[in-house]
mmCIF file of all heavy atoms, coordinates in Angstrom:
data_MODEL
# 
_entry.id   MODEL 
# 
loop_
_atom_site.group_PDB 
_atom_site.id 
_atom_site.type_symbol 
_atom_site.label_atom_id 
_atom_site.label_alt_id 
_atom_site.label_comp_id 
_atom_site.label_asym_id 
_atom_site.label_entity_id 
_atom_site.label_seq_id 
_atom_site.pdbx_PDB_ins_code 
_atom_site.Cartn_x 
_atom_site.Cartn_y 
_atom_site.Cartn_z 
_atom_site.occupancy 
_atom_site.B_iso_or_equiv 
_atom_site.pdbx_formal_charge 
_atom_site.auth_seq_id 
_atom_site.auth_comp_id 
_atom_site.auth_asym_id 
_atom_site.auth_atom_id 
_atom_site.pdbx_PDB_model_num 
ATOM 1   N N   . ASP A 1 1  ? 107.117 -58.465 154.852 1.00 0.00 ? 1  ASP A N   1 
ATOM 2   C CA  . ASP A 1 1  ? 108.533 -58.371 155.101 1.00 0.00 ? 1  ASP A CA  1 
ATOM 3   C C   . ASP A 1 1  ? 109.219 -57.205 154.392 1.00 0.00 ? 1  ASP A C   1 
ATOM 4   O O   . ASP A 1 1  ? 110.400 -56.915 154.663 1.00 0.00 ? 1  ASP A O   1 
ATOM 5   C CB  . ASP A 1 1  ? 109.213 -59.701 154.590 1.00 0.00 ? 1  ASP A CB  1 
ATOM 6   C CG  . ASP A 1 1  ? 108.763 -60.874 155.406 1.00 0.00 ? 1  ASP A CG  1 
ATOM 7   O OD1 . ASP A 1 1  ? 108.425 -60.717 156.591 1.00 0.00 ? 1  ASP A OD1 1 
ATOM 8   O OD2 . ASP A 1 1  ? 108.787 -62.013 154.868 1.00 0.00 ? 1  ASP A OD2 1 
ATOM 9   N N   . THR A 1 2  ? 108.484 -56.487 153.555 1.00 0.00 ? 2  THR A N   1 
ATOM 10  C CA  . THR A 1 2  ? 109.048 -55.297 152.908 1.00 0.00 ? 2  THR A CA  1 
ATOM 11  C C   . THR A 1 2  ? 109.041 -54.091 153.832 1.00 0.00 ? 2  THR A C   1 
ATOM 12  O O   . THR A 1 2  ? 109.682 -53.071 153.520 1.00 0.00 ? 2  THR A O   1 
ATOM 13  C CB  . THR A 1 2  ? 108.290 -54.960 151.610 1.00 0.00 ? 2  THR A CB  1 
ATOM 14  O OG1 . THR A 1 2  ? 106.952 -54.578 151.954 1.00 0.00 ? 2  THR A OG1 1 
ATOM 15  C CG2 . THR A 1 2  ? 108.278 -56.138 150.673 1.00 0.00 ? 2  THR A CG2 1 
ATOM 16  N N   . LYS A 1 3  ? 108.301 -54.170 154.936 1.00 0.00 ? 3  LYS A N   1 
ATOM 17  C CA  . LYS A 1 3  ? 108.217 -53.063 155.887 1.00 0.00 ? 3  LYS A CA  1 
ATOM 18  C C   . LYS A 1 3  ? 109.231 -53.228 157.025 1.00 0.00 ? 3  LYS A C   1 
ATOM 19  O O   . LYS A 1 3  ? 109.622 -54.354 157.400 1.00 0.00 ? 3  LYS A O   1 
ATOM 20  C CB  . LYS A 1 3  ? 106.808 -52.974 156.453 1.00 0.00 ? 3  LYS A CB  1 
ATOM 21  C CG  . LYS A 1 3  ? 105.692 -52.840 155.428 1.00 0.00 ? 3  LYS A CG  1 
ATOM 22  C CD  . LYS A 1 3  ? 105.930 -51.643 154.509 1.00 0.00 ? 3  LYS A CD  1 
ATOM 23  C CE  . LYS A 1 3  ? 104.880 -51.549 153.410 1.00 0.00 ? 3  LYS A CE  1 
ATOM 24  N NZ  . LYS A 1 3  ? 105.121 -50.402 152.500 1.00 0.00 ? 3  LYS A NZ  1 
ATOM 25  N N   . ALA A 1 4  ? 109.657 -52.106 157.556 1.00 0.00 ? 4  ALA A N   1 
ATOM 26  C CA  . ALA A 1 4  ? 110.652 -52.129 158.619 1.00 0.00 ? 4  ALA A CA  1 
ATOM 27  C C   . ALA A 1 4  ? 110.209 -52.908 159.842 1.00 0.00 ? 4  ALA A C   1 
ATOM 28  O O   . ALA A 1 4  ? 111.014 -53.579 160.493 1.00 0.00 ? 4  ALA A O   1 
ATOM 29  C CB  . ALA A 1 4  ? 111.049 -50.703 158.997 1.00 0.00 ? 4  ALA A CB  1 
ATOM 30  N N   . THR A 1 5  ? 108.933 -52.807 160.166 1.00 0.00 ? 5  THR A N   1 
ATOM 31  C CA  . THR A 1 5  ? 108.389 -53.504 161.336 1.00 0.00 ? 5  THR A CA  1 
ATOM 32  C C   . THR A 1 5  ? 108.014 -54.931 161.038 1.00 0.00 ? 5  THR A C   1 
ATOM 33  O O   . THR A 1 5  ? 107.760 -55.732 161.964 1.00 0.00 ? 5  THR A O   1 
ATOM 34  C CB  . THR A 1 5  ? 107.143 -52.798 161.889 1.00 0.00 ? 5  THR A CB  1 
ATOM 35  O OG1 . THR A 1 5  ? 106.112 -52.818 160.886 1.00 0.00 ? 5  THR A OG1 1 
ATOM 36  C CG2 . THR A 1 5  ? 107.465 -51.356 162.262 1.00 0.00 ? 5  THR A CG2 1 
ATOM 37  N N   . GLY A 1 6  ? 107.964 -55.309 159.763 1.00 0.00 ? 6  GLY A N   1 
ATOM 38  C CA  . GLY A 1 6  ? 107.550 -56.647 159.347 1.00 0.00 ? 6  GLY A CA  1 
ATOM 39  C C   . GLY A 1 6  ? 106.024 -56.814 159.265 1.00 0.00 ? 6  GLY A C   1 
ATOM 40  O O   . GLY A 1 6  ? 105.555 -57.892 159.023 1.00 0.00 ? 6  GLY A O   1 
ATOM 41  N N   . TRP A 1 7  ? 105.305 -55.688 159.439 1.00 0.00 ? 7  TRP A N   1 
ATOM 42  C CA  . TRP A 1 7  ? 103.826 -55.734 159.442 1.00 0.00 ? 7  TRP A CA  1 
ATOM 43  C C   . TRP A 1 7  ? 103.282 -54.598 158.536 1.00 0.00 ? 7  TRP A C   1 
ATOM 44  O O   . TRP A 1 7  ? 103.925 -53.552 158.368 1.00 0.00 ? 7  TRP A O   1 
ATOM 45  C CB  . TRP A 1 7  ? 103.279 -55.589 160.831 1.00 0.00 ? 7  TRP A CB  1 
ATOM 46  C CG  . TRP A 1 7  ? 103.652 -56.720 161.758 1.00 0.00 ? 7  TRP A CG  1 
ATOM 47  C CD1 . TRP A 1 7  ? 104.684 -56.737 162.633 1.00 0.00 ? 7  TRP A CD1 1 
ATOM 48  C CD2 . TRP A 1 7  ? 102.980 -57.955 161.856 1.00 0.00 ? 7  TRP A CD2 1 
ATOM 49  N NE1 . TRP A 1 7  ? 104.719 -57.955 163.273 1.00 0.00 ? 7  TRP A NE1 1 
ATOM 50  C CE2 . TRP A 1 7  ? 103.663 -58.720 162.825 1.00 0.00 ? 7  TRP A CE2 1 
ATOM 51  C CE3 . TRP A 1 7  ? 101.861 -58.523 161.271 1.00 0.00 ? 7  TRP A CE3 1 
ATOM 52  C CZ2 . TRP A 1 7  ? 103.265 -60.009 163.195 1.00 0.00 ? 7  TRP A CZ2 1 
ATOM 53  C CZ3 . TRP A 1 7  ? 101.461 -59.826 161.620 1.00 0.00 ? 7  TRP A CZ3 1 
ATOM 54  C CH2 . TRP A 1 7  ? 102.175 -60.549 162.584 1.00 0.00 ? 7  TRP A CH2 1 
ATOM 55  N N   . ASN A 1 8  ? 102.106 -54.842 158.047 1.00 0.00 ? 8  ASN A N   1 
ATOM 56  C CA  . ASN A 1 8  ? 101.350 -53.834 157.323 1.00 0.00 ? 8  ASN A CA  1 
ATOM 57  C C   . ASN A 1 8  ? 99.879  -53.899 157.725 1.00 0.00 ? 8  ASN A C   1 
ATOM 58  O O   . ASN A 1 8  ? 99.523  -54.809 158.457 1.00 0.00 ? 8  ASN A O   1 
ATOM 59  C CB  . ASN A 1 8  ? 101.517 -54.032 155.808 1.00 0.00 ? 8  ASN A CB  1 
ATOM 60  C CG  . ASN A 1 8  ? 101.374 -52.761 155.013 1.00 0.00 ? 8  ASN A CG  1 
ATOM 61  O OD1 . ASN A 1 8  ? 100.751 -51.799 155.447 1.00 0.00 ? 8  ASN A OD1 1 
ATOM 62  N ND2 . ASN A 1 8  ? 101.954 -52.740 153.803 1.00 0.00 ? 8  ASN A ND2 1 
ATOM 63  N N   . ASN A 1 9  ? 99.123  -52.942 157.256 1.00 0.00 ? 9  ASN A N   1 
ATOM 64  C CA  . ASN A 1 9  ? 97.706  -52.911 157.675 1.00 0.00 ? 9  ASN A CA  1 
ATOM 65  C C   . ASN A 1 9  ? 96.832  -52.467 156.506 1.00 0.00 ? 9  ASN A C   1 
ATOM 66  O O   . ASN A 1 9  ? 97.172  -51.506 155.829 1.00 0.00 ? 9  ASN A O   1 
ATOM 67  C CB  . ASN A 1 9  ? 97.557  -51.891 158.835 1.00 0.00 ? 9  ASN A CB  1 
ATOM 68  C CG  . ASN A 1 9  ? 96.229  -51.993 159.507 1.00 0.00 ? 9  ASN A CG  1 
ATOM 69  O OD1 . ASN A 1 9  ? 95.212  -51.599 158.986 1.00 0.00 ? 9  ASN A OD1 1 
ATOM 70  N ND2 . ASN A 1 9  ? 96.199  -52.588 160.708 1.00 0.00 ? 9  ASN A ND2 1 
ATOM 71  N N   . LEU A 1 10 ? 95.706  -53.126 156.317 1.00 0.00 ? 10 LEU A N   1 
ATOM 72  C CA  . LEU A 1 10 ? 94.853  -52.813 155.199 1.00 0.00 ? 10 LEU A CA  1 
ATOM 73  C C   . LEU A 1 10 ? 94.114  -51.508 155.390 1.00 0.00 ? 10 LEU A C   1 
ATOM 74  O O   . LEU A 1 10 ? 93.831  -50.810 154.423 1.00 0.00 ? 10 LEU A O   1 
ATOM 75  C CB  . LEU A 1 10 ? 93.800  -53.924 155.006 1.00 0.00 ? 10 LEU A CB  1 
ATOM 76  C CG  . LEU A 1 10 ? 94.276  -55.226 154.329 1.00 0.00 ? 10 LEU A CG  1 
ATOM 77  C CD1 . LEU A 1 10 ? 93.113  -56.184 154.165 1.00 0.00 ? 10 LEU A CD1 1 
ATOM 78  C CD2 . LEU A 1 10 ? 94.971  -54.933 153.026 1.00 0.00 ? 10 LEU A CD2 1 
ATOM 79  N N   . VAL A 1 11 ? 93.825  -51.133 156.615 1.00 0.00 ? 11 VAL A N   1 
ATOM 80  C CA  . VAL A 1 11 ? 93.121  -49.856 156.864 1.00 0.00 ? 11 VAL A CA  1 
ATOM 81  C C   . VAL A 1 11 ? 94.066  -48.654 156.797 1.00 0.00 ? 11 VAL A C   1 
ATOM 82  O O   . VAL A 1 11 ? 93.717  -47.605 156.330 1.00 0.00 ? 11 VAL A O   1 
ATOM 83  C CB  . VAL A 1 11 ? 92.433  -49.922 158.260 1.00 0.00 ? 11 VAL A CB  1 
ATOM 84  C CG1 . VAL A 1 11 ? 91.772  -48.635 158.592 1.00 0.00 ? 11 VAL A CG1 1 
ATOM 85  C CG2 . VAL A 1 11 ? 91.426  -51.058 158.302 1.00 0.00 ? 11 VAL A CG2 1 
ATOM 86  N N   . PHE A 1 12 ? 95.310  -48.894 157.232 1.00 0.00 ? 12 PHE A N   1 
ATOM 87  C CA  . PHE A 1 12 ? 96.321  -47.850 157.247 1.00 0.00 ? 12 PHE A CA  1 
ATOM 88  C C   . PHE A 1 12 ? 97.579  -48.384 156.568 1.00 0.00 ? 12 PHE A C   1 
ATOM 89  O O   . PHE A 1 12 ? 98.511  -48.823 157.255 1.00 0.00 ? 12 PHE A O   1 
ATOM 90  C CB  . PHE A 1 12 ? 96.620  -47.416 158.666 1.00 0.00 ? 12 PHE A CB  1 
ATOM 91  C CG  . PHE A 1 12 ? 97.427  -46.158 158.824 1.00 0.00 ? 12 PHE A CG  1 
ATOM 92  C CD1 . PHE A 1 12 ? 97.323  -45.391 159.952 1.00 0.00 ? 12 PHE A CD1 1 
ATOM 93  C CD2 . PHE A 1 12 ? 98.329  -45.739 157.824 1.00 0.00 ? 12 PHE A CD2 1 
ATOM 94  C CE1 . PHE A 1 12 ? 98.057  -44.234 160.110 1.00 0.00 ? 12 PHE A CE1 1 
ATOM 95  C CE2 . PHE A 1 12 ? 99.104  -44.560 157.963 1.00 0.00 ? 12 PHE A CE2 1 
ATOM 96  C CZ  . PHE A 1 12 ? 98.932  -43.826 159.111 1.00 0.00 ? 12 PHE A CZ  1 
ATOM 97  N N   . PRO A 1 13 ? 97.603  -48.419 155.231 1.00 0.00 ? 13 PRO A N   1 
ATOM 98  C CA  . PRO A 1 13 ? 98.773  -48.992 154.514 1.00 0.00 ? 13 PRO A CA  1 
ATOM 99  C C   . PRO A 1 13 ? 100.095 -48.323 154.912 1.00 0.00 ? 13 PRO A C   1 
ATOM 100 O O   . PRO A 1 13 ? 100.114 -47.082 155.093 1.00 0.00 ? 13 PRO A O   1 
ATOM 101 C CB  . PRO A 1 13 ? 98.438  -48.741 153.043 1.00 0.00 ? 13 PRO A CB  1 
ATOM 102 C CG  . PRO A 1 13 ? 96.963  -48.611 153.024 1.00 0.00 ? 13 PRO A CG  1 
ATOM 103 C CD  . PRO A 1 13 ? 96.587  -47.922 154.290 1.00 0.00 ? 13 PRO A CD  1 
ATOM 104 N N   . SER A 1 14 ? 101.121 -49.132 155.028 1.00 0.00 ? 14 SER A N   1 
ATOM 105 C CA  . SER A 1 14 ? 102.494 -48.635 155.367 1.00 0.00 ? 14 SER A CA  1 
ATOM 106 C C   . SER A 1 14 ? 102.537 -47.965 156.726 1.00 0.00 ? 14 SER A C   1 
ATOM 107 O O   . SER A 1 14 ? 103.317 -47.054 156.986 1.00 0.00 ? 14 SER A O   1 
ATOM 108 C CB  . SER A 1 14 ? 102.998 -47.693 154.303 1.00 0.00 ? 14 SER A CB  1 
ATOM 109 O OG  . SER A 1 14 ? 103.116 -48.339 153.068 1.00 0.00 ? 14 SER A OG  1 
ATOM 110 N N   . VAL A 1 15 ? 101.689 -48.368 157.648 1.00 0.00 ? 15 VAL A N   1 
ATOM 111 C CA  . VAL A 1 15 ? 101.657 -47.811 158.991 1.00 0.00 ? 15 VAL A CA  1 
ATOM 112 C C   . VAL A 1 15 ? 103.000 -48.188 159.695 1.00 0.00 ? 15 VAL A C   1 
ATOM 113 O O   . VAL A 1 15 ? 103.545 -49.238 159.485 1.00 0.00 ? 15 VAL A O   1 
ATOM 114 C CB  . VAL A 1 15 ? 100.458 -48.330 159.785 1.00 0.00 ? 15 VAL A CB  1 
ATOM 115 C CG1 . VAL A 1 15 ? 100.564 -49.851 160.007 1.00 0.00 ? 15 VAL A CG1 1 
ATOM 116 C CG2 . VAL A 1 15 ? 100.353 -47.622 161.142 1.00 0.00 ? 15 VAL A CG2 1 
ATOM 117 N N   . GLY A 1 16 ? 103.516 -47.243 160.481 1.00 0.00 ? 16 GLY A N   1 
ATOM 118 C CA  . GLY A 1 16 ? 104.759 -47.504 161.214 1.00 0.00 ? 16 GLY A CA  1 
ATOM 119 C C   . GLY A 1 16 ? 104.587 -48.331 162.416 1.00 0.00 ? 16 GLY A C   1 
ATOM 120 O O   . GLY A 1 16 ? 105.591 -48.752 163.016 1.00 0.00 ? 16 GLY A O   1 
ATOM 121 N N   . MET A 1 17 ? 103.361 -48.617 162.820 1.00 0.00 ? 17 MET A N   1 
ATOM 122 C CA  . MET A 1 17 ? 103.101 -49.382 164.036 1.00 0.00 ? 17 MET A CA  1 
ATOM 123 C C   . MET A 1 17 ? 103.180 -50.893 163.767 1.00 0.00 ? 17 MET A C   1 
ATOM 124 O O   . MET A 1 17 ? 102.568 -51.371 162.815 1.00 0.00 ? 17 MET A O   1 
ATOM 125 C CB  . MET A 1 17 ? 101.706 -49.021 164.538 1.00 0.00 ? 17 MET A CB  1 
ATOM 126 C CG  . MET A 1 17 ? 101.200 -49.859 165.691 1.00 0.00 ? 17 MET A CG  1 
ATOM 127 S SD  . MET A 1 17 ? 99.524  -49.402 166.204 1.00 0.00 ? 17 MET A SD  1 
ATOM 128 C CE  . MET A 1 17 ? 99.096  -50.740 167.222 1.00 0.00 ? 17 MET A CE  1 
ATOM 129 N N   . PRO A 1 18 ? 103.917 -51.645 164.567 1.00 0.00 ? 18 PRO A N   1 
ATOM 130 C CA  . PRO A 1 18 ? 103.875 -53.099 164.428 1.00 0.00 ? 18 PRO A CA  1 
ATOM 131 C C   . PRO A 1 18 ? 102.605 -53.675 165.032 1.00 0.00 ? 18 PRO A C   1 
ATOM 132 O O   . PRO A 1 18 ? 101.830 -52.996 165.687 1.00 0.00 ? 18 PRO A O   1 
ATOM 133 C CB  . PRO A 1 18 ? 105.127 -53.556 165.212 1.00 0.00 ? 18 PRO A CB  1 
ATOM 134 C CG  . PRO A 1 18 ? 105.265 -52.484 166.279 1.00 0.00 ? 18 PRO A CG  1 
ATOM 135 C CD  . PRO A 1 18 ? 104.825 -51.173 165.639 1.00 0.00 ? 18 PRO A CD  1 
ATOM 136 N N   . HIS A 1 19 ? 102.388 -54.953 164.791 1.00 0.00 ? 19 HIS A N   1 
ATOM 137 C CA  . HIS A 1 19 ? 101.191 -55.609 165.310 1.00 0.00 ? 19 HIS A CA  1 
ATOM 138 C C   . HIS A 1 19 ? 101.491 -56.059 166.749 1.00 0.00 ? 19 HIS A C   1 
ATOM 139 O O   . HIS A 1 19 ? 101.985 -57.162 166.977 1.00 0.00 ? 19 HIS A O   1 
ATOM 140 C CB  . HIS A 1 19 ? 100.830 -56.789 164.414 1.00 0.00 ? 19 HIS A CB  1 
ATOM 141 C CG  . HIS A 1 19 ? 99.522  -57.437 164.751 1.00 0.00 ? 19 HIS A CG  1 
ATOM 142 N ND1 . HIS A 1 19 ? 98.612  -56.883 165.602 1.00 0.00 ? 19 HIS A ND1 1 
ATOM 143 C CD2 . HIS A 1 19 ? 98.957  -58.600 164.328 1.00 0.00 ? 19 HIS A CD2 1 
ATOM 144 C CE1 . HIS A 1 19 ? 97.559  -57.638 165.685 1.00 0.00 ? 19 HIS A CE1 1 
ATOM 145 N NE2 . HIS A 1 19 ? 97.751  -58.689 164.937 1.00 0.00 ? 19 HIS A NE2 1 
ATOM 146 N N   . ALA A 1 20 ? 101.131 -55.219 167.705 1.00 0.00 ? 20 ALA A N   1 
ATOM 147 C CA  . ALA A 1 20 ? 101.464 -55.518 169.106 1.00 0.00 ? 20 ALA A CA  1 
ATOM 148 C C   . ALA A 1 20 ? 100.711 -56.714 169.630 1.00 0.00 ? 20 ALA A C   1 
ATOM 149 O O   . ALA A 1 20 ? 101.124 -57.336 170.608 1.00 0.00 ? 20 ALA A O   1 
ATOM 150 C CB  . ALA A 1 20 ? 101.164 -54.277 169.961 1.00 0.00 ? 20 ALA A CB  1 
ATOM 151 N N   . LEU A 1 21 ? 99.580  -57.064 169.008 1.00 0.00 ? 21 LEU A N   1 
ATOM 152 C CA  . LEU A 1 21 ? 98.745  -58.186 169.493 1.00 0.00 ? 21 LEU A CA  1 
ATOM 153 C C   . LEU A 1 21 ? 98.858  -59.428 168.658 1.00 0.00 ? 21 LEU A C   1 
ATOM 154 O O   . LEU A 1 21 ? 98.003  -60.301 168.711 1.00 0.00 ? 21 LEU A O   1 
ATOM 155 C CB  . LEU A 1 21 ? 97.261  -57.710 169.535 1.00 0.00 ? 21 LEU A CB  1 
ATOM 156 C CG  . LEU A 1 21 ? 96.983  -56.473 170.414 1.00 0.00 ? 21 LEU A CG  1 
ATOM 157 C CD1 . LEU A 1 21 ? 95.599  -55.901 170.072 1.00 0.00 ? 21 LEU A CD1 1 
ATOM 158 C CD2 . LEU A 1 21 ? 97.085  -56.824 171.860 1.00 0.00 ? 21 LEU A CD2 1 
ATOM 159 N N   . TRP A 1 22 ? 99.958  -59.545 167.908 1.00 0.00 ? 22 TRP A N   1 
ATOM 160 C CA  . TRP A 1 22 ? 100.068 -60.656 166.980 1.00 0.00 ? 22 TRP A CA  1 
ATOM 161 C C   . TRP A 1 22 ? 100.118 -62.029 167.639 1.00 0.00 ? 22 TRP A C   1 
ATOM 162 O O   . TRP A 1 22 ? 99.622  -63.029 167.124 1.00 0.00 ? 22 TRP A O   1 
ATOM 163 C CB  . TRP A 1 22 ? 101.285 -60.453 166.075 1.00 0.00 ? 22 TRP A CB  1 
ATOM 164 C CG  . TRP A 1 22 ? 102.606 -60.802 166.709 1.00 0.00 ? 22 TRP A CG  1 
ATOM 165 C CD1 . TRP A 1 22 ? 103.416 -59.972 167.377 1.00 0.00 ? 22 TRP A CD1 1 
ATOM 166 C CD2 . TRP A 1 22 ? 103.274 -62.064 166.677 1.00 0.00 ? 22 TRP A CD2 1 
ATOM 167 N NE1 . TRP A 1 22 ? 104.529 -60.594 167.822 1.00 0.00 ? 22 TRP A NE1 1 
ATOM 168 C CE2 . TRP A 1 22 ? 104.455 -61.895 167.385 1.00 0.00 ? 22 TRP A CE2 1 
ATOM 169 C CE3 . TRP A 1 22 ? 102.981 -63.323 166.159 1.00 0.00 ? 22 TRP A CE3 1 
ATOM 170 C CZ2 . TRP A 1 22 ? 105.345 -62.955 167.582 1.00 0.00 ? 22 TRP A CZ2 1 
ATOM 171 C CZ3 . TRP A 1 22 ? 103.871 -64.353 166.344 1.00 0.00 ? 22 TRP A CZ3 1 
ATOM 172 C CH2 . TRP A 1 22 ? 105.052 -64.178 167.027 1.00 0.00 ? 22 TRP A CH2 1 
ATOM 173 N N   . GLN A 1 23 ? 100.684 -62.067 168.855 1.00 0.00 ? 23 GLN A N   1 
ATOM 174 C CA  . GLN A 1 23 ? 100.707 -63.366 169.531 1.00 0.00 ? 23 GLN A CA  1 
ATOM 175 C C   . GLN A 1 23 ? 99.321  -63.871 169.931 1.00 0.00 ? 23 GLN A C   1 
ATOM 176 O O   . GLN A 1 23 ? 99.099  -65.059 170.050 1.00 0.00 ? 23 GLN A O   1 
ATOM 177 C CB  . GLN A 1 23 ? 101.623 -63.251 170.778 1.00 0.00 ? 23 GLN A CB  1 
ATOM 178 C CG  . GLN A 1 23 ? 103.089 -63.079 170.462 1.00 0.00 ? 23 GLN A CG  1 
ATOM 179 C CD  . GLN A 1 23 ? 103.945 -62.922 171.676 1.00 0.00 ? 23 GLN A CD  1 
ATOM 180 O OE1 . GLN A 1 23 ? 103.591 -62.200 172.614 1.00 0.00 ? 23 GLN A OE1 1 
ATOM 181 N NE2 . GLN A 1 23 ? 105.103 -63.587 171.702 1.00 0.00 ? 23 GLN A NE2 1 
ATOM 182 N N   . LEU A 1 24 ? 98.398  -62.922 170.133 1.00 0.00 ? 24 LEU A N   1 
ATOM 183 C CA  . LEU A 1 24 ? 97.041  -63.289 170.447 1.00 0.00 ? 24 LEU A CA  1 
ATOM 184 C C   . LEU A 1 24 ? 96.296  -63.686 169.210 1.00 0.00 ? 24 LEU A C   1 
ATOM 185 O O   . LEU A 1 24 ? 95.486  -64.653 169.232 1.00 0.00 ? 24 LEU A O   1 
ATOM 186 C CB  . LEU A 1 24 ? 96.322  -62.098 171.148 1.00 0.00 ? 24 LEU A CB  1 
ATOM 187 C CG  . LEU A 1 24 ? 96.952  -61.534 172.379 1.00 0.00 ? 24 LEU A CG  1 
ATOM 188 C CD1 . LEU A 1 24 ? 96.079  -60.424 172.932 1.00 0.00 ? 24 LEU A CD1 1 
ATOM 189 C CD2 . LEU A 1 24 ? 97.164  -62.616 173.454 1.00 0.00 ? 24 LEU A CD2 1 
ATOM 190 N N   . GLN A 1 25 ? 96.538  -62.989 168.099 1.00 0.00 ? 25 GLN A N   1 
ATOM 191 C CA  . GLN A 1 25 ? 95.779  -63.238 166.881 1.00 0.00 ? 25 GLN A CA  1 
ATOM 192 C C   . GLN A 1 25 ? 96.429  -64.273 165.958 1.00 0.00 ? 25 GLN A C   1 
ATOM 193 O O   . GLN A 1 25 ? 95.760  -64.975 165.199 1.00 0.00 ? 25 GLN A O   1 
ATOM 194 C CB  . GLN A 1 25 ? 95.612  -61.932 166.077 1.00 0.00 ? 25 GLN A CB  1 
ATOM 195 C CG  . GLN A 1 25 ? 94.722  -62.049 164.876 1.00 0.00 ? 25 GLN A CG  1 
ATOM 196 C CD  . GLN A 1 25 ? 94.608  -60.785 164.101 1.00 0.00 ? 25 GLN A CD  1 
ATOM 197 O OE1 . GLN A 1 25 ? 95.575  -60.033 164.039 1.00 0.00 ? 25 GLN A OE1 1 
ATOM 198 N NE2 . GLN A 1 25 ? 93.495  -60.542 163.458 1.00 0.00 ? 25 GLN A NE2 1 
ATOM 199 N N   . GLY A 1 26 ? 97.753  -64.410 166.052 1.00 0.00 ? 26 GLY A N   1 
ATOM 200 C CA  . GLY A 1 26 ? 98.501  -65.223 165.063 1.00 0.00 ? 26 GLY A CA  1 
ATOM 201 C C   . GLY A 1 26 ? 98.782  -64.418 163.829 1.00 0.00 ? 26 GLY A C   1 
ATOM 202 O O   . GLY A 1 26 ? 98.542  -63.197 163.746 1.00 0.00 ? 26 GLY A O   1 
ATOM 203 N N   . GLU A 1 27 ? 99.278  -65.074 162.812 1.00 0.00 ? 27 GLU A N   1 
ATOM 204 C CA  . GLU A 1 27 ? 99.632  -64.407 161.542 1.00 0.00 ? 27 GLU A CA  1 
ATOM 205 C C   . GLU A 1 27 ? 98.570  -64.718 160.498 1.00 0.00 ? 27 GLU A C   1 
ATOM 206 O O   . GLU A 1 27 ? 98.137  -65.889 160.348 1.00 0.00 ? 27 GLU A O   1 
ATOM 207 C CB  . GLU A 1 27 ? 100.985 -64.849 161.055 1.00 0.00 ? 27 GLU A CB  1 
ATOM 208 C CG  . GLU A 1 27 ? 102.157 -64.424 161.946 1.00 0.00 ? 27 GLU A CG  1 
ATOM 209 C CD  . GLU A 1 27 ? 103.487 -64.762 161.337 1.00 0.00 ? 27 GLU A CD  1 
ATOM 210 O OE1 . GLU A 1 27 ? 103.575 -64.871 160.099 1.00 0.00 ? 27 GLU A OE1 1 
ATOM 211 O OE2 . GLU A 1 27 ? 104.426 -64.954 162.116 1.00 0.00 ? 27 GLU A OE2 1 
ATOM 212 N N   . ARG A 1 28 ? 98.126  -63.693 159.740 1.00 0.00 ? 28 ARG A N   1 
ATOM 213 C CA  . ARG A 1 28 ? 97.124  -63.871 158.698 1.00 0.00 ? 28 ARG A CA  1 
ATOM 214 C C   . ARG A 1 28 ? 97.607  -63.157 157.457 1.00 0.00 ? 28 ARG A C   1 
ATOM 215 O O   . ARG A 1 28 ? 98.419  -62.242 157.482 1.00 0.00 ? 28 ARG A O   1 
ATOM 216 C CB  . ARG A 1 28 ? 95.790  -63.298 159.109 1.00 0.00 ? 28 ARG A CB  1 
ATOM 217 C CG  . ARG A 1 28 ? 95.250  -63.869 160.410 1.00 0.00 ? 28 ARG A CG  1 
ATOM 218 C CD  . ARG A 1 28 ? 93.797  -63.475 160.607 1.00 0.00 ? 28 ARG A CD  1 
ATOM 219 N NE  . ARG A 1 28 ? 93.589  -62.028 160.620 1.00 0.00 ? 28 ARG A NE  1 
ATOM 220 C CZ  . ARG A 1 28 ? 92.387  -61.469 160.617 1.00 0.00 ? 28 ARG A CZ  1 
ATOM 221 N NH1 . ARG A 1 28 ? 91.306  -62.216 160.629 1.00 0.00 ? 28 ARG A NH1 1 
ATOM 222 N NH2 . ARG A 1 28 ? 92.270  -60.123 160.654 1.00 0.00 ? 28 ARG A NH2 1 
# 
């Protein structure tokens, strides 16, 4: 929730891309 998109990524920290496939994967 600290990121503008509401998402972060372990491989690319602070990536500007949101999780486009989150409805398929769910939240983890």
